[in-house]
Amino acid sequence: MTPPAPAPVAIRDPVDGLLTPEAVRTRCGEILQVGVDGGLPWFDVELSKLADATSRVVAEIEVNYPDLNVPFHSRWRHFELGGTDLWADMAAAHGLNGDDLAVAAGDLAIVSVLLDAGAGPDWIYEDDATGLRLGRSEGLALASLRLFGSGILSDDDASPLRADASALSALSAETLGRVFQVADANPLVGLEQRAGLLRKLGETIAKHPSFYARGDAVRPGNLLPALASRTDLQARDILIALLTTLMDIWPSPVRIEGRPLGDAGRHDALVRDDKTDGIVPFHKLSQWLSYSLIEPLQQLGAPVSGLDGLTGLAEYRNGGLFVDTGVLTLKDLSAVAQAHAPASELIVEWRALTVALLDRLASDVRATLNKSAEELPLASILQGGTWSAGRRIAADLRPDGGPPIRLDSDATVF
């Protein structure tokens, strides 16, 4: 059973409404309903297959977290390797605590998440300190941690664990590639685009001093004490702050009257009688970043409520789980033979169905484990969870462990 959507917050401008998690959940849910009724152009939806997806997720949770105490799906999990919390050790070695620790954690989380879009199947990061050789998201996390620890992003030689606006704005693809060990034999998808995102991050936070300036420093992590000063901070507030202040950094192929909308797509099945007609928002990386900022905010003493106000993440591991278990079936199987751009209607449809199905699956997982939404929020089900179940079934079905539908990624969405 689909959980009821939270009561929408009154927003006068329908375009502003697209920059909310409620719009993501509502509009993706409408796409799913069209699919259940058999009216979508690209996918058939078979809800009876959801039981298989649910059982796989439950199995992952029970193996990975047998006490059912599941942490949030956030960037911090990728710094916990081999039984060691690499970020905690790094921060402790530099004597960070209190506000300084929270701001540094915010710097790292924002930089690392922006660098996280798909690396491609051939890139590997070799870490001298741990001896680990990692690719994909874990490799990107470890490489970003080493970038942060190097001091390249800091303007203060005495304080390497920081990201300053001016240093971010000056980051070149060559420098990023050197740290990330990119070479002809070790190619990373979208190196220039990744460096471009960080340069835009530096430029953009300088335009929003009320969020990102603190004392003489303009840093992305200054967002955390700014948010922590609010009363009744909800998870959706984190996302809206990110979308309000950082929209300029995202490539936005979907715009309304020139206004960028970030991670959004178009689909003819989404009907509105205003200028938002056909637009389906996702805000995948921004939502994952929102999840990743909850823990440092809590450590700062700022409780975050309404965790399920955010949505599931429209990315290929979650979406692949539903394709590989037969919940979603391509109507034209020849589409598997080609790579599809994120803006294509097929991918927009797949992503929308993924978000809506994650809500349904979350309800089924909780019922199976006899847990409430408070005990097992969506962020924990993603971690426990859907992402690892999607990866496992992909590895079982395809030699390269890649997604069931190929993406022509530019390293800025997935």
Protein backbone atom coordinates (compact mmCIF):
# COMPACT_ATOMS: atom_id res chain seq x y z
CA MET A 1 0.00 0.00 0.00
CA THR A 2 1.35 3.40 -0.95
CA PRO A 3 1.89 5.65 2.09
CA PRO A 4 -0.14 8.84 2.00
CA ALA A 5 1.77 11.81 0.65
CA PRO A 6 2.44 14.54 3.20
CA ALA A 7 0.15 17.52 3.06
CA PRO A 8 1.55 19.87 0.44
CA VAL A 9 3.00 23.12 1.64
CA ALA A 10 1.27 26.16 0.21
CA ILE A 11 3.46 27.60 -2.55
CA ARG A 12 2.13 30.36 -4.76
CA ASP A 13 4.39 29.95 -7.78
CA PRO A 14 4.02 26.51 -9.42
CA VAL A 15 7.64 26.73 -10.54
CA ASP A 16 8.76 27.13 -6.92
CA GLY A 17 6.65 24.08 -6.18
CA LEU A 18 8.88 21.96 -8.44
CA LEU A 19 11.77 22.61 -6.07
CA THR A 20 10.26 20.55 -3.26
CA PRO A 21 10.25 16.86 -2.32
CA GLU A 22 6.45 16.92 -2.36
CA ALA A 23 6.53 17.67 -6.10
CA VAL A 24 8.92 14.77 -6.68
CA ARG A 25 6.73 12.33 -4.78
CA THR A 26 3.42 13.53 -6.22
CA ARG A 27 4.46 13.71 -9.85
CA CYS A 28 6.37 10.43 -9.82
CA GLY A 29 3.35 8.82 -8.18
CA GLU A 30 1.16 10.04 -11.02
CA ILE A 31 3.51 8.47 -13.57
CA LEU A 32 3.31 5.18 -11.68
CA GLN A 33 -0.48 5.26 -11.69
CA VAL A 34 -0.49 5.74 -15.45
CA GLY A 35 1.86 2.76 -15.68
CA VAL A 36 -0.34 0.58 -13.47
CA ASP A 37 -3.21 1.45 -15.82
CA GLY A 38 -1.08 0.36 -18.79
CA GLY A 39 -0.78 3.81 -20.32
CA LEU A 40 2.98 4.49 -20.37
CA PRO A 41 4.95 4.46 -23.64
CA TRP A 42 8.10 2.69 -22.41
CA PHE A 43 7.40 0.39 -19.46
CA ASP A 44 4.83 -2.12 -18.33
CA VAL A 45 4.33 -2.25 -14.56
CA GLU A 46 3.66 -5.57 -12.80
CA LEU A 47 3.06 -4.89 -9.13
CA SER A 48 2.77 -8.60 -8.32
CA LYS A 49 6.54 -8.82 -8.88
CA LEU A 50 7.14 -6.31 -6.10
CA ALA A 51 7.17 -9.18 -3.59
CA ASP A 52 10.43 -10.48 -5.08
CA ALA A 53 12.05 -7.06 -4.87
CA THR A 54 10.84 -6.72 -1.28
CA SER A 55 12.20 -10.11 -0.25
CA ARG A 56 15.60 -9.25 -1.72
CA VAL A 57 15.73 -5.98 0.19
CA VAL A 58 14.66 -7.67 3.43
CA ALA A 59 17.39 -10.28 2.93
CA GLU A 60 19.99 -7.54 2.42
CA ILE A 61 18.90 -5.75 5.59
CA GLU A 62 18.94 -8.94 7.66
CA VAL A 63 22.43 -9.85 6.44
CA ASN A 64 23.97 -6.38 6.56
CA TYR A 65 22.22 -5.17 9.74
CA PRO A 66 21.01 -8.21 11.69
CA ASP A 67 20.01 -6.03 14.65
CA LEU A 68 17.82 -4.02 12.24
CA ASN A 69 19.53 -0.84 13.41
CA VAL A 70 20.11 0.53 9.92
CA PRO A 71 21.91 3.85 9.40
CA PHE A 72 20.88 6.38 6.78
CA HIS A 73 21.89 6.03 3.15
CA SER A 74 24.43 8.79 3.00
CA ARG A 75 27.94 9.59 1.83
CA TRP A 76 29.29 8.76 5.29
CA ARG A 77 28.74 5.04 4.73
CA HIS A 78 31.26 5.13 1.89
CA PHE A 79 33.97 6.43 4.22
CA GLU A 80 33.49 3.43 6.52
CA LEU A 81 35.81 0.86 4.98
CA GLY A 82 37.38 -2.26 6.42
CA GLY A 83 35.91 -1.59 9.85
CA THR A 84 37.44 1.88 9.96
CA ASP A 85 35.72 5.27 9.74
CA LEU A 86 38.29 7.05 7.59
CA TRP A 87 36.65 10.46 7.95
CA ALA A 88 36.37 10.22 11.73
CA ASP A 89 40.04 9.24 11.96
CA MET A 90 41.09 12.11 9.67
CA ALA A 91 39.03 14.68 11.59
CA ALA A 92 40.37 13.45 14.94
CA ALA A 93 43.95 13.60 13.69
CA HIS A 94 43.43 17.29 12.92
CA GLY A 95 41.72 17.99 16.25
CA LEU A 96 38.36 18.98 14.76
CA ASN A 97 35.35 19.18 17.07
CA GLY A 98 32.18 21.18 17.61
CA ASP A 99 31.28 23.72 14.94
CA ASP A 100 34.63 23.27 13.20
CA LEU A 101 33.95 19.56 12.77
CA ALA A 102 30.41 20.17 11.51
CA VAL A 103 31.49 22.76 8.94
CA ALA A 104 34.33 20.54 7.72
CA ALA A 105 31.91 17.62 7.45
CA GLY A 106 29.57 19.81 5.44
CA ASP A 107 32.42 20.84 3.16
CA LEU A 108 33.36 17.21 2.56
CA ALA A 109 29.81 15.94 2.09
CA ILE A 110 28.88 18.60 -0.47
CA VAL A 111 32.11 18.22 -2.45
CA SER A 112 32.00 14.43 -2.36
CA VAL A 113 28.36 14.12 -3.39
CA LEU A 114 28.87 16.49 -6.31
CA LEU A 115 31.68 14.23 -7.51
CA ASP A 116 29.63 11.06 -7.16
CA ALA A 117 27.86 10.62 -10.51
CA GLY A 118 28.69 7.36 -12.30
CA ALA A 119 32.42 6.81 -12.78
CA GLY A 120 32.06 4.32 -15.61
CA PRO A 121 33.11 0.65 -15.51
CA ASP A 122 36.86 1.08 -16.13
CA TRP A 123 38.00 3.61 -13.52
CA ILE A 124 39.72 2.40 -10.32
CA TYR A 125 41.17 4.35 -7.40
CA GLU A 126 44.15 2.82 -5.63
CA ASP A 127 44.59 4.12 -2.09
CA ASP A 128 48.13 3.95 -0.72
CA ALA A 129 47.09 4.43 2.92
CA THR A 130 44.68 1.48 3.04
CA GLY A 131 45.78 -0.63 0.08
CA LEU A 132 42.21 -0.57 -1.25
CA ARG A 133 41.42 -0.64 -4.97
CA LEU A 134 37.88 0.62 -5.50
CA GLY A 135 35.75 1.71 -8.43
CA ARG A 136 32.31 3.24 -8.89
CA SER A 137 30.76 5.12 -5.97
CA GLU A 138 33.05 3.75 -3.26
CA GLY A 139 36.14 4.66 -5.28
CA LEU A 140 34.80 8.15 -5.92
CA ALA A 141 34.13 8.55 -2.19
CA LEU A 142 37.64 7.50 -1.23
CA ALA A 143 39.22 9.69 -3.93
CA SER A 144 37.14 12.68 -2.81
CA LEU A 145 38.20 12.10 0.80
CA ARG A 146 41.85 12.15 -0.27
CA LEU A 147 41.22 15.29 -2.34
CA PHE A 148 39.73 16.96 0.73
CA GLY A 149 42.55 15.79 3.00
CA SER A 150 45.21 17.06 0.59
CA GLY A 151 44.40 20.71 1.33
CA ILE A 152 43.96 21.50 -2.38
CA LEU A 153 40.52 22.93 -1.66
CA SER A 154 41.68 25.05 1.30
CA ASP A 155 42.87 28.64 1.31
CA ASP A 156 44.49 28.20 4.72
CA ASP A 157 47.77 26.28 4.78
CA ALA A 158 47.34 25.68 8.52
CA SER A 159 43.87 24.18 8.04
CA PRO A 160 43.77 21.68 5.17
CA LEU A 161 40.39 20.13 6.00
CA ARG A 162 38.21 22.79 4.43
CA ALA A 163 36.81 23.84 1.08
CA ASP A 164 36.96 27.57 0.39
CA ALA A 165 35.01 29.28 -2.37
CA SER A 166 38.09 30.72 -4.06
CA ALA A 167 39.96 27.40 -4.08
CA LEU A 168 36.92 25.58 -5.44
CA SER A 169 36.51 28.21 -8.16
CA ALA A 170 40.12 27.69 -9.26
CA LEU A 171 40.05 23.87 -9.41
CA SER A 172 41.14 22.55 -12.80
CA ALA A 173 40.25 19.25 -14.43
CA GLU A 174 43.97 18.53 -14.59
CA THR A 175 44.34 18.84 -10.81
CA LEU A 176 41.23 16.80 -10.14
CA GLY A 177 42.36 14.16 -12.62
CA ARG A 178 45.77 13.89 -10.96
CA VAL A 179 44.24 13.29 -7.52
CA PHE A 180 41.71 10.86 -8.96
CA GLN A 181 44.48 8.99 -10.82
CA VAL A 182 42.85 9.49 -14.21
CA ALA A 183 44.90 8.27 -17.18
CA ASP A 184 44.35 6.80 -20.62
CA ALA A 185 44.41 3.37 -19.01
CA ASN A 186 42.19 4.54 -16.12
CA PRO A 187 39.47 6.72 -17.67
CA LEU A 188 36.89 8.51 -15.53
CA VAL A 189 33.60 9.51 -17.12
CA GLY A 190 33.01 13.27 -17.12
CA LEU A 191 36.25 14.54 -15.56
CA GLU A 192 35.84 18.06 -16.94
CA GLN A 193 32.17 18.15 -15.91
CA ARG A 194 33.06 17.12 -12.36
CA ALA A 195 35.69 19.83 -12.04
CA GLY A 196 33.19 22.26 -13.55
CA LEU A 197 30.62 21.41 -10.86
CA LEU A 198 33.13 22.23 -8.12
CA ARG A 199 34.15 25.48 -9.80
CA LYS A 200 30.49 26.46 -10.05
CA LEU A 201 30.04 25.48 -6.40
CA GLY A 202 32.73 27.97 -5.41
CA GLU A 203 31.23 30.71 -7.54
CA THR A 204 27.68 30.05 -6.38
CA ILE A 205 28.19 29.94 -2.63
CA ALA A 206 29.88 33.33 -2.84
CA LYS A 207 26.53 34.71 -4.05
CA HIS A 208 24.66 33.49 -0.95
CA PRO A 209 26.54 34.84 2.08
CA SER A 210 23.61 34.38 4.46
CA PHE A 211 24.00 30.62 4.01
CA TYR A 212 27.68 30.14 3.24
CA ALA A 213 29.67 33.03 4.75
CA ARG A 214 30.75 32.78 8.38
CA GLY A 215 33.34 35.17 9.69
CA ASP A 216 35.82 35.69 6.89
CA ALA A 217 35.28 32.25 5.35
CA VAL A 218 32.96 31.37 2.47
CA ARG A 219 32.57 27.59 2.58
CA PRO A 220 29.83 25.14 1.57
CA GLY A 221 29.86 23.61 5.05
CA ASN A 222 28.76 26.89 6.60
CA LEU A 223 25.29 25.84 5.52
CA LEU A 224 25.15 23.51 8.54
CA PRO A 225 25.30 26.10 11.35
CA ALA A 226 22.93 28.26 9.30
CA LEU A 227 20.40 25.41 9.20
CA ALA A 228 21.08 24.39 12.80
CA SER A 229 19.96 27.80 13.99
CA ARG A 230 16.40 27.08 12.82
CA THR A 231 13.71 25.71 15.07
CA ASP A 232 11.84 22.56 14.03
CA LEU A 233 14.29 21.72 11.24
CA GLN A 234 12.81 19.17 8.84
CA ALA A 235 14.58 17.10 6.21
CA ARG A 236 12.70 18.90 3.45
CA ASP A 237 14.13 22.21 4.70
CA ILE A 238 17.65 20.94 3.94
CA LEU A 239 16.69 20.06 0.37
CA ILE A 240 14.91 23.34 -0.25
CA ALA A 241 17.89 25.30 1.07
CA LEU A 242 20.20 23.38 -1.27
CA LEU A 243 17.91 23.85 -4.27
CA THR A 244 17.38 27.52 -3.49
CA THR A 245 21.05 28.36 -3.17
CA LEU A 246 22.90 25.86 -5.39
CA MET A 247 20.64 25.63 -8.43
CA ASP A 248 23.12 27.55 -10.56
CA ILE A 249 25.69 24.76 -10.40
CA TRP A 250 23.51 22.16 -12.09
CA PRO A 251 23.17 21.72 -15.83
CA SER A 252 19.45 22.33 -16.36
CA PRO A 253 18.18 21.16 -19.74
CA VAL A 254 14.65 21.69 -18.43
CA ARG A 255 13.87 25.36 -17.84
CA ILE A 256 10.78 27.50 -17.52
CA GLU A 257 11.11 30.97 -19.01
CA GLY A 258 14.87 30.60 -18.70
CA ARG A 259 14.74 29.57 -15.05
CA PRO A 260 16.81 26.43 -14.31
CA LEU A 261 15.09 23.52 -12.60
CA GLY A 262 18.08 21.30 -11.94
CA ASP A 263 17.53 17.55 -12.05
CA ALA A 264 14.17 17.32 -13.79
CA GLY A 265 12.82 15.77 -16.97
CA ARG A 266 9.85 15.94 -19.27
CA HIS A 267 7.17 13.32 -19.80
CA ASP A 268 3.92 13.62 -21.74
CA ALA A 269 2.02 11.55 -19.16
CA LEU A 270 2.40 14.30 -16.54
CA VAL A 271 -0.35 16.80 -17.25
CA ARG A 272 -0.81 20.21 -15.69
CA ASP A 273 -2.76 23.27 -16.82
CA ASP A 274 0.11 25.67 -16.07
CA LYS A 275 3.69 26.22 -17.19
CA THR A 276 4.90 23.18 -15.26
CA ASP A 277 3.02 20.87 -17.63
CA GLY A 278 4.99 17.72 -18.43
CA ILE A 279 7.80 18.38 -15.94
CA VAL A 280 8.91 15.64 -13.53
CA PRO A 281 11.45 16.73 -10.87
CA PHE A 282 13.88 14.28 -9.24
CA HIS A 283 16.70 16.26 -7.53
CA LYS A 284 18.56 13.00 -6.98
CA LEU A 285 22.00 14.25 -5.97
CA SER A 286 20.50 17.13 -3.98
CA GLN A 287 18.31 14.68 -2.05
CA TRP A 288 21.22 12.34 -1.41
CA LEU A 289 23.19 15.34 -0.20
CA SER A 290 20.28 16.24 2.07
CA TYR A 291 20.38 12.74 3.56
CA SER A 292 24.16 13.11 3.96
CA LEU A 293 23.84 16.37 5.92
CA ILE A 294 21.42 14.97 8.51
CA GLU A 295 24.07 13.20 10.59
CA PRO A 296 26.47 16.16 10.93
CA LEU A 297 23.49 18.36 11.79
CA GLN A 298 22.51 15.92 14.52
CA GLN A 299 26.09 15.92 15.79
CA LEU A 300 25.84 19.70 15.92
CA GLY A 301 22.86 19.32 18.24
CA ALA A 302 20.21 20.12 15.64
CA PRO A 303 17.52 17.41 15.53
CA VAL A 304 16.07 16.81 12.07
CA SER A 305 12.45 15.67 11.85
CA GLY A 306 10.30 14.49 8.96
CA LEU A 307 12.93 12.17 7.51
CA ASP A 308 10.45 10.57 5.12
CA GLY A 309 9.62 13.98 3.75
CA LEU A 310 12.43 13.30 1.28
CA THR A 311 11.92 10.68 -1.42
CA GLY A 312 13.72 7.65 -2.73
CA LEU A 313 16.59 8.29 -5.10
CA ALA A 314 16.06 8.07 -8.84
CA GLU A 315 19.28 6.30 -9.73
CA TYR A 316 20.18 3.16 -11.60
CA ARG A 317 20.81 0.81 -8.66
CA ASN A 318 17.34 1.41 -7.23
CA GLY A 319 15.79 1.48 -10.69
CA GLY A 320 17.73 -1.58 -11.76
CA LEU A 321 16.28 -3.57 -8.87
CA PHE A 322 12.78 -3.07 -10.27
CA VAL A 323 13.78 -3.92 -13.83
CA ASP A 324 15.79 -6.98 -12.83
CA THR A 325 12.97 -8.36 -10.65
CA GLY A 326 10.37 -7.86 -13.39
CA VAL A 327 8.37 -5.12 -11.69
CA LEU A 328 9.24 -2.99 -14.71
CA THR A 329 9.52 -4.41 -18.23
CA LEU A 330 10.51 -2.51 -21.32
CA LYS A 331 7.82 -2.61 -23.98
CA ASP A 332 10.46 -2.42 -26.70
CA LEU A 333 13.24 -4.82 -25.72
CA SER A 334 15.47 -3.48 -28.49
CA ALA A 335 15.95 -0.37 -26.35
CA VAL A 336 18.40 -2.40 -24.24
CA ALA A 337 20.87 -2.39 -27.11
CA GLN A 338 21.48 1.37 -26.99
CA ALA A 339 22.56 3.92 -24.40
CA HIS A 340 20.01 6.54 -23.42
CA ALA A 341 20.58 10.12 -22.33
CA PRO A 342 19.26 11.14 -18.90
CA ALA A 343 16.89 13.60 -20.58
CA SER A 344 15.29 10.94 -22.80
CA GLU A 345 11.68 10.13 -22.03
CA LEU A 346 12.55 6.46 -21.45
CA ILE A 347 14.98 7.36 -18.66
CA VAL A 348 12.66 10.00 -17.21
CA GLU A 349 9.89 7.39 -17.08
CA TRP A 350 12.21 4.82 -15.47
CA ARG A 351 13.38 7.27 -12.83
CA ALA A 352 9.85 8.42 -11.99
CA LEU A 353 8.64 4.84 -11.61
CA THR A 354 11.64 4.10 -9.40
CA VAL A 355 10.85 6.92 -6.97
CA ALA A 356 7.19 5.94 -6.66
CA LEU A 357 7.91 2.21 -6.37
CA LEU A 358 10.41 2.82 -3.58
CA ASP A 359 7.59 4.20 -1.43
CA ARG A 360 5.50 1.08 -2.04
CA LEU A 361 8.44 -1.22 -1.42
CA ALA A 362 9.32 0.63 1.80
CA SER A 363 5.84 -0.04 3.18
CA ASP A 364 6.15 -3.75 2.32
CA VAL A 365 9.63 -4.00 3.85
CA ARG A 366 8.43 -2.41 7.09
CA ALA A 367 5.45 -4.75 7.24
CA THR A 368 7.71 -7.77 6.74
CA LEU A 369 10.13 -6.66 9.45
CA ASN A 370 7.38 -5.36 11.74
CA LYS A 371 8.90 -1.89 11.85
CA SER A 372 7.31 1.55 11.80
CA ALA A 373 8.38 4.41 9.56
CA GLU A 374 10.03 6.02 12.57
CA GLU A 375 12.00 2.86 13.32
CA LEU A 376 12.95 2.21 9.69
CA PRO A 377 12.76 5.44 7.66
CA LEU A 378 13.12 5.44 3.92
CA ALA A 379 16.73 6.65 4.24
CA SER A 380 17.54 3.43 6.12
CA ILE A 381 15.70 1.20 3.65
CA LEU A 382 17.75 2.74 0.85
CA GLN A 383 20.90 1.90 2.80
CA GLY A 384 19.87 -1.50 4.06
CA GLY A 385 18.53 -1.98 1.44
CA THR A 386 17.48 -1.23 -2.06
CA TRP A 387 20.84 0.07 -3.29
CA SER A 388 22.79 -3.05 -2.31
CA ALA A 389 20.01 -5.35 -3.52
CA GLY A 390 20.10 -3.57 -6.87
CA ARG A 391 23.85 -3.98 -7.08
CA ARG A 392 23.73 -7.65 -6.08
CA ILE A 393 21.15 -8.69 -8.65
CA ALA A 394 22.97 -6.68 -11.34
CA ALA A 395 26.18 -8.59 -10.56
CA ASP A 396 24.28 -11.88 -10.74
CA LEU A 397 22.73 -11.10 -14.11
CA ARG A 398 25.47 -9.19 -15.98
CA PRO A 399 29.23 -9.79 -16.08
CA ASP A 400 30.06 -6.12 -15.59
CA GLY A 401 27.43 -5.59 -12.89
CA GLY A 402 26.12 -2.60 -14.81
CA PRO A 403 22.53 -1.36 -14.99
CA PRO A 404 19.94 -3.27 -17.05
CA ILE A 405 19.45 -0.19 -19.23
CA ARG A 406 22.54 1.63 -20.41
CA LEU A 407 22.95 5.31 -19.64
CA ASP A 408 24.81 7.90 -21.66
CA SER A 409 25.89 9.76 -18.54
CA ASP A 410 27.63 13.13 -18.40
CA ALA A 411 28.60 12.68 -14.72
CA THR A 412 26.20 15.35 -13.50
CA VAL A 413 23.00 13.36 -12.79
CA PHE A 414 23.66 9.70 -12.02
